[in-house]
Amino acid sequence: MADELRPDADRIVERLRREGVLHVAMVSGDRASVAQRIGDLLGVDRVYAEQSPEDKLEVVRRLREDPQLSPVIMVGDGVNDAPALAIADLGIAMGAAGATVSSETADAVIVVDRVDRVADAVHTGRRALHIARQSVLAGMGLSIAAMGVAAAGYLPPVAGALLQEVIDLAVILNALRALRG
């Protein structure tokens, strides 16, 4: 009888690395031998075993202090993980049955009991952030350019107002790309 690697976890580290995650650690309350064996199967960079909730909190705190490892994403599924989820740069709760406290303290909740969805969440979050930044910069740039043209007297006020509405619509349509995978 031994802990087995979840079938949905076999390539999680590889997928997180493709998303730009540089350091993947496993923080567990399990015995060191069990945690290390699972960590080796996963290919994580570091295993922190036999960790109490306070220890998990301290691990997240230390990782956040290292600029090379920041931002820190913490994934947890129980009451013991809630404090660490709360102080991580991004706390992701696995929303399976019994994970209500961790779900309340986390920034994001994965409602199915599949750890591979963490990589999907990281991908979706990064893509949405990229699109949001793109939309803001494009909208501001186009608005500033239109203001310059209007200030030079080449754009009447009514045309400027209509142009601003077109710019706003273009920015909104660009932002809606985040809804697609």
N, C-alpha and C. Protein backbone atom coordinates (compact mmCIF):
# COMPACT_ATOMS: atom_id res chain seq x y z
N MET A 1 0.84 -1.17 0.00
CA MET A 1 0.00 0.00 0.00
C MET A 1 0.89 1.24 0.00
N ALA A 2 0.74 2.07 -1.02
CA ALA A 2 1.55 3.28 -1.12
C ALA A 2 0.77 4.33 -1.88
N ASP A 3 1.14 5.59 -1.66
CA ASP A 3 0.54 6.67 -2.42
C ASP A 3 0.98 6.56 -3.87
N GLU A 4 0.02 6.69 -4.75
CA GLU A 4 0.31 6.62 -6.18
C GLU A 4 0.17 8.00 -6.80
N LEU A 5 0.89 8.21 -7.87
CA LEU A 5 0.79 9.46 -8.61
C LEU A 5 -0.57 9.52 -9.30
N ARG A 6 -1.24 10.64 -9.15
CA ARG A 6 -2.54 10.79 -9.79
C ARG A 6 -2.35 10.75 -11.30
N PRO A 7 -3.26 10.10 -12.03
CA PRO A 7 -3.11 10.01 -13.48
C PRO A 7 -3.12 11.37 -14.18
N ASP A 8 -3.80 12.34 -13.59
CA ASP A 8 -3.86 13.67 -14.21
C ASP A 8 -2.64 14.53 -13.86
N ALA A 9 -1.70 14.01 -13.07
CA ALA A 9 -0.55 14.79 -12.63
C ALA A 9 0.73 14.43 -13.37
N ASP A 10 0.69 13.46 -14.25
CA ASP A 10 1.92 12.93 -14.84
C ASP A 10 2.76 13.95 -15.61
N ARG A 11 2.13 14.96 -16.22
CA ARG A 11 2.90 15.93 -17.00
C ARG A 11 2.70 17.36 -16.51
N ILE A 12 2.25 17.51 -15.27
CA ILE A 12 1.94 18.84 -14.75
C ILE A 12 3.18 19.73 -14.70
N VAL A 13 4.31 19.20 -14.27
CA VAL A 13 5.52 20.02 -14.16
C VAL A 13 5.97 20.47 -15.55
N GLU A 14 5.95 19.57 -16.50
CA GLU A 14 6.32 19.92 -17.87
C GLU A 14 5.41 21.02 -18.43
N ARG A 15 4.12 20.90 -18.19
CA ARG A 15 3.17 21.91 -18.68
C ARG A 15 3.36 23.25 -17.98
N LEU A 16 3.64 23.23 -16.68
CA LEU A 16 3.88 24.48 -15.96
C LEU A 16 5.15 25.16 -16.48
N ARG A 17 6.17 24.38 -16.77
CA ARG A 17 7.41 24.96 -17.31
C ARG A 17 7.15 25.61 -18.67
N ARG A 18 6.31 24.99 -19.50
CA ARG A 18 5.97 25.61 -20.79
C ARG A 18 5.23 26.93 -20.60
N GLU A 19 4.55 27.07 -19.48
CA GLU A 19 3.84 28.31 -19.18
C GLU A 19 4.75 29.35 -18.54
N GLY A 20 6.01 29.01 -18.35
CA GLY A 20 6.97 29.98 -17.82
C GLY A 20 7.24 29.85 -16.33
N VAL A 21 6.71 28.84 -15.67
CA VAL A 21 6.98 28.64 -14.25
C VAL A 21 8.39 28.05 -14.14
N LEU A 22 9.26 28.76 -13.42
CA LEU A 22 10.66 28.36 -13.36
C LEU A 22 10.97 27.36 -12.26
N HIS A 23 10.28 27.47 -11.14
CA HIS A 23 10.57 26.63 -9.98
C HIS A 23 9.28 25.97 -9.52
N VAL A 24 9.26 24.64 -9.51
CA VAL A 24 8.08 23.91 -9.06
C VAL A 24 8.48 23.12 -7.82
N ALA A 25 7.81 23.41 -6.72
CA ALA A 25 8.08 22.73 -5.46
C ALA A 25 6.81 22.05 -4.97
N MET A 26 6.98 21.02 -4.20
CA MET A 26 5.86 20.33 -3.59
C MET A 26 5.98 20.50 -2.08
N VAL A 27 4.95 21.04 -1.47
CA VAL A 27 4.91 21.24 -0.02
C VAL A 27 3.84 20.31 0.51
N SER A 28 4.24 19.38 1.36
CA SER A 28 3.31 18.32 1.78
C SER A 28 3.43 18.04 3.27
N GLY A 29 2.34 17.63 3.84
CA GLY A 29 2.34 17.17 5.23
C GLY A 29 2.73 15.71 5.35
N ASP A 30 2.90 15.03 4.21
CA ASP A 30 3.24 13.60 4.22
C ASP A 30 4.66 13.37 4.73
N ARG A 31 4.92 12.10 5.09
CA ARG A 31 6.26 11.71 5.50
C ARG A 31 7.25 11.99 4.37
N ALA A 32 8.49 12.24 4.74
CA ALA A 32 9.52 12.63 3.77
C ALA A 32 9.71 11.57 2.68
N SER A 33 9.72 10.30 3.04
CA SER A 33 9.95 9.25 2.05
C SER A 33 8.83 9.21 1.01
N VAL A 34 7.59 9.37 1.46
CA VAL A 34 6.43 9.35 0.56
C VAL A 34 6.45 10.58 -0.33
N ALA A 35 6.62 11.74 0.27
CA ALA A 35 6.61 12.99 -0.49
C ALA A 35 7.75 13.03 -1.51
N GLN A 36 8.92 12.58 -1.11
CA GLN A 36 10.08 12.61 -2.03
C GLN A 36 9.87 11.68 -3.21
N ARG A 37 9.27 10.51 -2.95
CA ARG A 37 9.02 9.57 -4.05
C ARG A 37 8.04 10.17 -5.06
N ILE A 38 6.97 10.79 -4.59
CA ILE A 38 6.00 11.43 -5.49
C ILE A 38 6.65 12.62 -6.18
N GLY A 39 7.42 13.41 -5.44
CA GLY A 39 8.13 14.54 -6.03
C GLY A 39 9.08 14.12 -7.14
N ASP A 40 9.77 12.99 -6.93
CA ASP A 40 10.68 12.47 -7.97
C ASP A 40 9.90 12.04 -9.21
N LEU A 41 8.76 11.39 -9.00
CA LEU A 41 7.94 10.97 -10.14
C LEU A 41 7.43 12.17 -10.93
N LEU A 42 7.08 13.24 -10.22
CA LEU A 42 6.59 14.44 -10.88
C LEU A 42 7.69 15.23 -11.56
N GLY A 43 8.90 15.17 -11.01
CA GLY A 43 10.01 15.95 -11.54
C GLY A 43 10.07 17.36 -10.98
N VAL A 44 9.61 17.54 -9.73
CA VAL A 44 9.64 18.86 -9.12
C VAL A 44 11.07 19.23 -8.74
N ASP A 45 11.31 20.52 -8.56
CA ASP A 45 12.64 21.00 -8.22
C ASP A 45 12.97 20.77 -6.74
N ARG A 46 11.96 20.83 -5.89
CA ARG A 46 12.21 20.71 -4.46
C ARG A 46 10.98 20.13 -3.79
N VAL A 47 11.22 19.31 -2.76
CA VAL A 47 10.14 18.74 -1.96
C VAL A 47 10.31 19.20 -0.52
N TYR A 48 9.25 19.78 0.01
CA TYR A 48 9.20 20.15 1.43
C TYR A 48 8.22 19.18 2.07
N ALA A 49 8.72 18.26 2.88
CA ALA A 49 7.88 17.21 3.46
C ALA A 49 7.65 17.46 4.94
N GLU A 50 6.62 16.75 5.47
CA GLU A 50 6.27 16.81 6.88
C GLU A 50 6.04 18.25 7.34
N GLN A 51 5.32 19.01 6.53
CA GLN A 51 5.08 20.43 6.80
C GLN A 51 3.74 20.64 7.47
N SER A 52 3.76 21.36 8.58
CA SER A 52 2.52 21.76 9.25
C SER A 52 1.96 22.97 8.50
N PRO A 53 0.73 23.40 8.81
CA PRO A 53 0.20 24.61 8.16
C PRO A 53 1.11 25.83 8.37
N GLU A 54 1.69 25.96 9.55
CA GLU A 54 2.61 27.07 9.81
C GLU A 54 3.87 26.94 8.96
N ASP A 55 4.36 25.70 8.80
CA ASP A 55 5.55 25.47 7.98
C ASP A 55 5.26 25.82 6.52
N LYS A 56 4.08 25.44 6.04
CA LYS A 56 3.70 25.76 4.66
C LYS A 56 3.65 27.26 4.45
N LEU A 57 3.13 27.96 5.43
CA LEU A 57 3.06 29.42 5.39
C LEU A 57 4.46 30.00 5.30
N GLU A 58 5.38 29.48 6.08
CA GLU A 58 6.76 29.98 6.07
C GLU A 58 7.46 29.66 4.75
N VAL A 59 7.21 28.50 4.17
CA VAL A 59 7.80 28.17 2.87
C VAL A 59 7.35 29.18 1.82
N VAL A 60 6.05 29.45 1.77
CA VAL A 60 5.53 30.42 0.79
C VAL A 60 6.13 31.80 1.05
N ARG A 61 6.22 32.18 2.30
CA ARG A 61 6.79 33.49 2.66
C ARG A 61 8.25 33.59 2.19
N ARG A 62 9.04 32.54 2.42
CA ARG A 62 10.45 32.55 2.00
C ARG A 62 10.58 32.59 0.48
N LEU A 63 9.75 31.81 -0.22
CA LEU A 63 9.81 31.80 -1.68
C LEU A 63 9.43 33.17 -2.25
N ARG A 64 8.48 33.84 -1.64
CA ARG A 64 8.06 35.17 -2.11
C ARG A 64 9.18 36.19 -1.95
N GLU A 65 10.04 36.00 -0.95
CA GLU A 65 11.14 36.94 -0.71
C GLU A 65 12.25 36.82 -1.74
N ASP A 66 12.33 35.70 -2.44
CA ASP A 66 13.37 35.49 -3.46
C ASP A 66 12.87 36.04 -4.79
N PRO A 67 13.48 37.13 -5.30
CA PRO A 67 13.00 37.73 -6.54
C PRO A 67 13.07 36.80 -7.76
N GLN A 68 13.95 35.82 -7.72
CA GLN A 68 14.06 34.88 -8.84
C GLN A 68 12.91 33.87 -8.84
N LEU A 69 12.26 33.68 -7.71
CA LEU A 69 11.19 32.70 -7.61
C LEU A 69 9.81 33.35 -7.57
N SER A 70 9.78 34.64 -7.57
CA SER A 70 8.51 35.36 -7.48
C SER A 70 7.96 35.61 -8.87
N PRO A 71 6.67 35.60 -9.12
CA PRO A 71 5.59 35.42 -8.17
C PRO A 71 5.41 33.94 -7.78
N VAL A 72 4.84 33.74 -6.62
CA VAL A 72 4.64 32.39 -6.09
C VAL A 72 3.17 32.00 -6.26
N ILE A 73 2.97 30.83 -6.87
CA ILE A 73 1.64 30.25 -7.01
C ILE A 73 1.57 29.08 -6.04
N MET A 74 0.56 29.09 -5.18
CA MET A 74 0.35 28.00 -4.23
C MET A 74 -0.94 27.29 -4.61
N VAL A 75 -0.87 25.97 -4.67
CA VAL A 75 -2.05 25.17 -4.96
C VAL A 75 -2.32 24.29 -3.74
N GLY A 76 -3.55 24.32 -3.25
CA GLY A 76 -3.88 23.53 -2.08
C GLY A 76 -5.31 23.06 -2.13
N ASP A 77 -5.62 22.11 -1.24
CA ASP A 77 -6.96 21.53 -1.27
C ASP A 77 -7.61 21.35 0.08
N GLY A 78 -7.02 21.91 1.11
CA GLY A 78 -7.62 21.66 2.41
C GLY A 78 -7.42 22.80 3.39
N VAL A 79 -7.94 22.62 4.59
CA VAL A 79 -7.85 23.62 5.64
C VAL A 79 -6.39 23.93 5.95
N ASN A 80 -5.54 22.91 5.93
CA ASN A 80 -4.12 23.11 6.24
C ASN A 80 -3.42 24.02 5.24
N ASP A 81 -3.97 24.14 4.04
CA ASP A 81 -3.34 24.96 3.01
C ASP A 81 -3.84 26.39 2.98
N ALA A 82 -4.94 26.68 3.66
CA ALA A 82 -5.59 27.98 3.56
C ALA A 82 -4.68 29.16 3.90
N PRO A 83 -3.90 29.12 5.00
CA PRO A 83 -3.04 30.27 5.28
C PRO A 83 -2.00 30.53 4.18
N ALA A 84 -1.40 29.48 3.66
CA ALA A 84 -0.40 29.63 2.60
C ALA A 84 -1.05 30.12 1.30
N LEU A 85 -2.26 29.66 1.01
CA LEU A 85 -2.98 30.14 -0.17
C LEU A 85 -3.24 31.63 -0.06
N ALA A 86 -3.54 32.09 1.15
CA ALA A 86 -3.88 33.49 1.35
C ALA A 86 -2.70 34.42 1.12
N ILE A 87 -1.47 34.00 1.46
CA ILE A 87 -0.34 34.92 1.29
C ILE A 87 0.42 34.74 -0.01
N ALA A 88 0.12 33.69 -0.76
CA ALA A 88 0.79 33.49 -2.04
C ALA A 88 0.38 34.61 -3.00
N ASP A 89 1.24 34.88 -3.98
CA ASP A 89 0.88 35.87 -5.00
C ASP A 89 -0.38 35.43 -5.73
N LEU A 90 -0.50 34.14 -5.95
CA LEU A 90 -1.71 33.56 -6.53
C LEU A 90 -2.01 32.27 -5.80
N GLY A 91 -3.14 32.22 -5.11
CA GLY A 91 -3.56 31.01 -4.43
C GLY A 91 -4.62 30.31 -5.26
N ILE A 92 -4.39 29.04 -5.55
CA ILE A 92 -5.35 28.26 -6.33
C ILE A 92 -5.82 27.09 -5.46
N ALA A 93 -7.11 27.06 -5.19
CA ALA A 93 -7.69 25.99 -4.39
C ALA A 93 -8.28 24.94 -5.31
N MET A 94 -8.03 23.70 -4.96
CA MET A 94 -8.68 22.59 -5.64
C MET A 94 -10.03 22.43 -4.95
N GLY A 95 -11.11 22.71 -5.66
CA GLY A 95 -12.43 22.81 -5.07
C GLY A 95 -13.17 21.52 -4.89
N ALA A 96 -12.48 20.47 -4.57
CA ALA A 96 -13.16 19.20 -4.33
C ALA A 96 -13.91 19.27 -3.00
N ALA A 97 -14.65 18.24 -2.71
CA ALA A 97 -15.44 18.21 -1.48
C ALA A 97 -14.54 18.42 -0.27
N GLY A 98 -15.00 19.28 0.65
CA GLY A 98 -14.25 19.53 1.87
C GLY A 98 -13.21 20.62 1.77
N ALA A 99 -13.13 21.30 0.66
CA ALA A 99 -12.11 22.32 0.47
C ALA A 99 -12.68 23.73 0.61
N THR A 100 -13.71 23.88 1.42
CA THR A 100 -14.39 25.17 1.48
C THR A 100 -13.51 26.27 2.05
N VAL A 101 -12.75 26.01 3.10
CA VAL A 101 -11.90 27.06 3.69
C VAL A 101 -10.82 27.48 2.70
N SER A 102 -10.17 26.51 2.06
CA SER A 102 -9.14 26.87 1.10
C SER A 102 -9.75 27.60 -0.09
N SER A 103 -10.97 27.23 -0.48
CA SER A 103 -11.64 27.90 -1.59
C SER A 103 -11.96 29.35 -1.25
N GLU A 104 -12.26 29.62 0.00
CA GLU A 104 -12.60 30.98 0.41
C GLU A 104 -11.37 31.88 0.49
N THR A 105 -10.21 31.32 0.78
CA THR A 105 -9.00 32.15 0.91
C THR A 105 -8.22 32.26 -0.39
N ALA A 106 -8.48 31.40 -1.33
CA ALA A 106 -7.72 31.38 -2.59
C ALA A 106 -8.20 32.47 -3.54
N ASP A 107 -7.33 32.82 -4.49
CA ASP A 107 -7.68 33.78 -5.53
C ASP A 107 -8.48 33.13 -6.65
N ALA A 108 -8.23 31.85 -6.87
CA ALA A 108 -8.91 31.10 -7.93
C ALA A 108 -9.25 29.72 -7.38
N VAL A 109 -10.32 29.15 -7.91
CA VAL A 109 -10.76 27.82 -7.47
C VAL A 109 -10.95 26.95 -8.70
N ILE A 110 -10.34 25.78 -8.66
CA ILE A 110 -10.56 24.79 -9.71
C ILE A 110 -11.61 23.83 -9.16
N VAL A 111 -12.77 23.80 -9.79
CA VAL A 111 -13.91 23.10 -9.21
C VAL A 111 -13.95 21.61 -9.50
N VAL A 112 -13.05 21.12 -10.31
CA VAL A 112 -12.96 19.68 -10.54
C VAL A 112 -11.69 19.17 -9.86
N ASP A 113 -11.70 17.94 -9.45
CA ASP A 113 -10.57 17.37 -8.72
C ASP A 113 -9.52 16.84 -9.71
N ARG A 114 -8.94 17.78 -10.48
CA ARG A 114 -7.92 17.41 -11.47
C ARG A 114 -6.79 18.43 -11.39
N VAL A 115 -5.64 17.98 -10.95
CA VAL A 115 -4.51 18.88 -10.75
C VAL A 115 -3.95 19.41 -12.08
N ASP A 116 -4.21 18.71 -13.18
CA ASP A 116 -3.72 19.21 -14.47
C ASP A 116 -4.40 20.51 -14.88
N ARG A 117 -5.54 20.81 -14.27
CA ARG A 117 -6.23 22.06 -14.57
C ARG A 117 -5.47 23.28 -14.04
N VAL A 118 -4.51 23.05 -13.15
CA VAL A 118 -3.68 24.16 -12.66
C VAL A 118 -2.91 24.78 -13.83
N ALA A 119 -2.34 23.95 -14.67
CA ALA A 119 -1.61 24.47 -15.84
C ALA A 119 -2.56 25.20 -16.78
N ASP A 120 -3.78 24.69 -16.92
CA ASP A 120 -4.78 25.38 -17.74
C ASP A 120 -5.11 26.75 -17.16
N ALA A 121 -5.23 26.82 -15.82
CA ALA A 121 -5.55 28.09 -15.17
C ALA A 121 -4.41 29.09 -15.33
N VAL A 122 -3.18 28.63 -15.21
CA VAL A 122 -2.03 29.52 -15.40
C VAL A 122 -2.00 30.04 -16.83
N HIS A 123 -2.24 29.15 -17.78
CA HIS A 123 -2.26 29.55 -19.19
C HIS A 123 -3.36 30.58 -19.45
N THR A 124 -4.55 30.31 -18.95
CA THR A 124 -5.69 31.22 -19.16
C THR A 124 -5.42 32.58 -18.51
N GLY A 125 -4.89 32.57 -17.31
CA GLY A 125 -4.59 33.82 -16.62
C GLY A 125 -3.55 34.65 -17.33
N ARG A 126 -2.48 34.00 -17.79
CA ARG A 126 -1.43 34.74 -18.51
C ARG A 126 -1.94 35.28 -19.84
N ARG A 127 -2.73 34.49 -20.53
CA ARG A 127 -3.29 34.95 -21.81
C ARG A 127 -4.23 36.13 -21.60
N ALA A 128 -5.09 36.03 -20.60
CA ALA A 128 -6.02 37.12 -20.32
C ALA A 128 -5.28 38.40 -19.92
N LEU A 129 -4.22 38.26 -19.13
CA LEU A 129 -3.44 39.43 -18.73
C LEU A 129 -2.75 40.06 -19.93
N HIS A 130 -2.22 39.24 -20.81
CA HIS A 130 -1.58 39.75 -22.04
C HIS A 130 -2.59 40.52 -22.89
N ILE A 131 -3.75 39.96 -23.07
CA ILE A 131 -4.78 40.62 -23.88
C ILE A 131 -5.24 41.91 -23.21
N ALA A 132 -5.39 41.90 -21.89
CA ALA A 132 -5.81 43.11 -21.17
C ALA A 132 -4.77 44.22 -21.33
N ARG A 133 -3.50 43.88 -21.16
CA ARG A 133 -2.44 44.89 -21.34
C ARG A 133 -2.44 45.42 -22.76
N GLN A 134 -2.56 44.52 -23.71
CA GLN A 134 -2.60 44.91 -25.12
C GLN A 134 -3.76 45.86 -25.38
N SER A 135 -4.91 45.56 -24.85
CA SER A 135 -6.09 46.40 -25.05
C SER A 135 -5.91 47.78 -24.43
N VAL A 136 -5.38 47.82 -23.22
CA VAL A 136 -5.18 49.10 -22.55
C VAL A 136 -4.18 49.96 -23.32
N LEU A 137 -3.05 49.37 -23.68
CA LEU A 137 -2.03 50.14 -24.40
C LEU A 137 -2.52 50.61 -25.77
N ALA A 138 -3.19 49.74 -26.49
CA ALA A 138 -3.70 50.12 -27.81
C ALA A 138 -4.75 51.21 -27.68
N GLY A 139 -5.66 51.06 -26.73
CA GLY A 139 -6.71 52.06 -26.53
C GLY A 139 -6.14 53.41 -26.15
N MET A 140 -5.19 53.39 -25.21
CA MET A 140 -4.59 54.66 -24.79
C MET A 140 -3.79 55.29 -25.92
N GLY A 141 -3.03 54.48 -26.64
CA GLY A 141 -2.23 55.00 -27.75
C GLY A 141 -3.09 55.63 -28.83
N LEU A 142 -4.14 54.92 -29.22
CA LEU A 142 -5.03 55.46 -30.26
C LEU A 142 -5.75 56.72 -29.77
N SER A 143 -6.17 56.74 -28.51
CA SER A 143 -6.85 57.92 -27.97
C SER A 143 -5.91 59.12 -27.91
N ILE A 144 -4.68 58.91 -27.49
CA ILE A 144 -3.71 60.00 -27.44
C ILE A 144 -3.41 60.52 -28.83
N ALA A 145 -3.27 59.62 -29.79
CA ALA A 145 -3.04 60.05 -31.17
C ALA A 145 -4.23 60.87 -31.69
N ALA A 146 -5.44 60.40 -31.39
CA ALA A 146 -6.64 61.13 -31.83
C ALA A 146 -6.71 62.50 -31.16
N MET A 147 -6.32 62.58 -29.88
CA MET A 147 -6.31 63.87 -29.19
C MET A 147 -5.30 64.82 -29.83
N GLY A 148 -4.15 64.28 -30.23
CA GLY A 148 -3.14 65.11 -30.89
C GLY A 148 -3.65 65.67 -32.20
N VAL A 149 -4.30 64.82 -32.98
CA VAL A 149 -4.87 65.27 -34.26
C VAL A 149 -5.96 66.31 -34.01
N ALA A 150 -6.79 66.08 -32.98
CA ALA A 150 -7.85 67.04 -32.66
C ALA A 150 -7.26 68.36 -32.16
N ALA A 151 -6.21 68.29 -31.34
CA ALA A 151 -5.58 69.51 -30.82
C ALA A 151 -4.94 70.32 -31.94
N ALA A 152 -4.48 69.64 -32.99
CA ALA A 152 -3.88 70.34 -34.13
C ALA A 152 -4.95 70.95 -35.04
N GLY A 153 -6.21 70.67 -34.74
CA GLY A 153 -7.31 71.26 -35.49
C GLY A 153 -7.76 70.47 -36.70
N TYR A 154 -7.27 69.23 -36.84
CA TYR A 154 -7.64 68.42 -38.00
C TYR A 154 -8.81 67.49 -37.75
N LEU A 155 -9.36 67.52 -36.55
CA LEU A 155 -10.46 66.61 -36.20
C LEU A 155 -11.52 67.40 -35.43
N PRO A 156 -12.69 67.61 -36.04
CA PRO A 156 -13.75 68.35 -35.35
C PRO A 156 -14.25 67.55 -34.13
N PRO A 157 -14.83 68.23 -33.14
CA PRO A 157 -15.26 67.57 -31.90
C PRO A 157 -16.21 66.39 -32.12
N VAL A 158 -17.18 66.52 -32.98
CA VAL A 158 -18.14 65.43 -33.21
C VAL A 158 -17.41 64.22 -33.81
N ALA A 159 -16.54 64.46 -34.76
CA ALA A 159 -15.77 63.36 -35.37
C ALA A 159 -14.85 62.73 -34.33
N GLY A 160 -14.28 63.57 -33.45
CA GLY A 160 -13.42 63.05 -32.38
C GLY A 160 -14.18 62.16 -31.43
N ALA A 161 -15.39 62.57 -31.08
CA ALA A 161 -16.22 61.76 -30.18
C ALA A 161 -16.59 60.43 -30.83
N LEU A 162 -16.93 60.47 -32.11
CA LEU A 162 -17.26 59.23 -32.82
C LEU A 162 -16.03 58.33 -32.95
N LEU A 163 -14.87 58.96 -33.24
CA LEU A 163 -13.64 58.18 -33.33
C LEU A 163 -13.32 57.51 -31.99
N GLN A 164 -13.54 58.21 -30.89
CA GLN A 164 -13.30 57.63 -29.57
C GLN A 164 -14.21 56.43 -29.33
N GLU A 165 -15.43 56.51 -29.77
CA GLU A 165 -16.35 55.37 -29.63
C GLU A 165 -15.86 54.17 -30.45
N VAL A 166 -15.35 54.43 -31.64
CA VAL A 166 -14.79 53.36 -32.48
C VAL A 166 -13.58 52.73 -31.80
N ILE A 167 -12.72 53.58 -31.23
CA ILE A 167 -11.55 53.07 -30.51
C ILE A 167 -12.00 52.20 -29.33
N ASP A 168 -12.97 52.68 -28.55
CA ASP A 168 -13.48 51.91 -27.41
C ASP A 168 -14.05 50.56 -27.86
N LEU A 169 -14.79 50.57 -28.94
CA LEU A 169 -15.36 49.33 -29.47
C LEU A 169 -14.27 48.36 -29.90
N ALA A 170 -13.24 48.88 -30.57
CA ALA A 170 -12.12 48.04 -31.01
C ALA A 170 -11.40 47.42 -29.80
N VAL A 171 -11.22 48.20 -28.75
CA VAL A 171 -10.56 47.69 -27.54
C VAL A 171 -11.42 46.61 -26.89
N ILE A 172 -12.72 46.83 -26.82
CA ILE A 172 -13.62 45.83 -26.22
C ILE A 172 -13.60 44.55 -27.04
N LEU A 173 -13.66 44.66 -28.34
CA LEU A 173 -13.64 43.47 -29.19
C LEU A 173 -12.33 42.71 -29.04
N ASN A 174 -11.23 43.44 -28.93
CA ASN A 174 -9.94 42.79 -28.70
C ASN A 174 -9.94 42.06 -27.36
N ALA A 175 -10.48 42.69 -26.32
CA ALA A 175 -10.52 42.08 -25.00
C ALA A 175 -11.37 40.81 -24.98
N LEU A 176 -12.38 40.75 -25.82
CA LEU A 176 -13.26 39.59 -25.87
C LEU A 176 -12.53 38.34 -26.39
N ARG A 177 -11.36 38.53 -26.98
CA ARG A 177 -10.56 37.36 -27.41
C ARG A 177 -10.19 36.48 -26.24
N ALA A 178 -10.16 37.06 -25.03
CA ALA A 178 -9.80 36.28 -23.84
C ALA A 178 -10.82 35.18 -23.56
N LEU A 179 -12.03 35.32 -24.07
CA LEU A 179 -13.05 34.30 -23.85
C LEU A 179 -12.77 33.03 -24.65
N ARG A 180 -12.03 33.17 -25.74
CA ARG A 180 -11.65 31.98 -26.52
C ARG A 180 -10.42 31.36 -25.92
N GLY A 181 -10.35 30.03 -25.93
CA GLY A 181 -9.25 29.29 -25.35
C GLY A 181 -7.94 29.75 -25.78
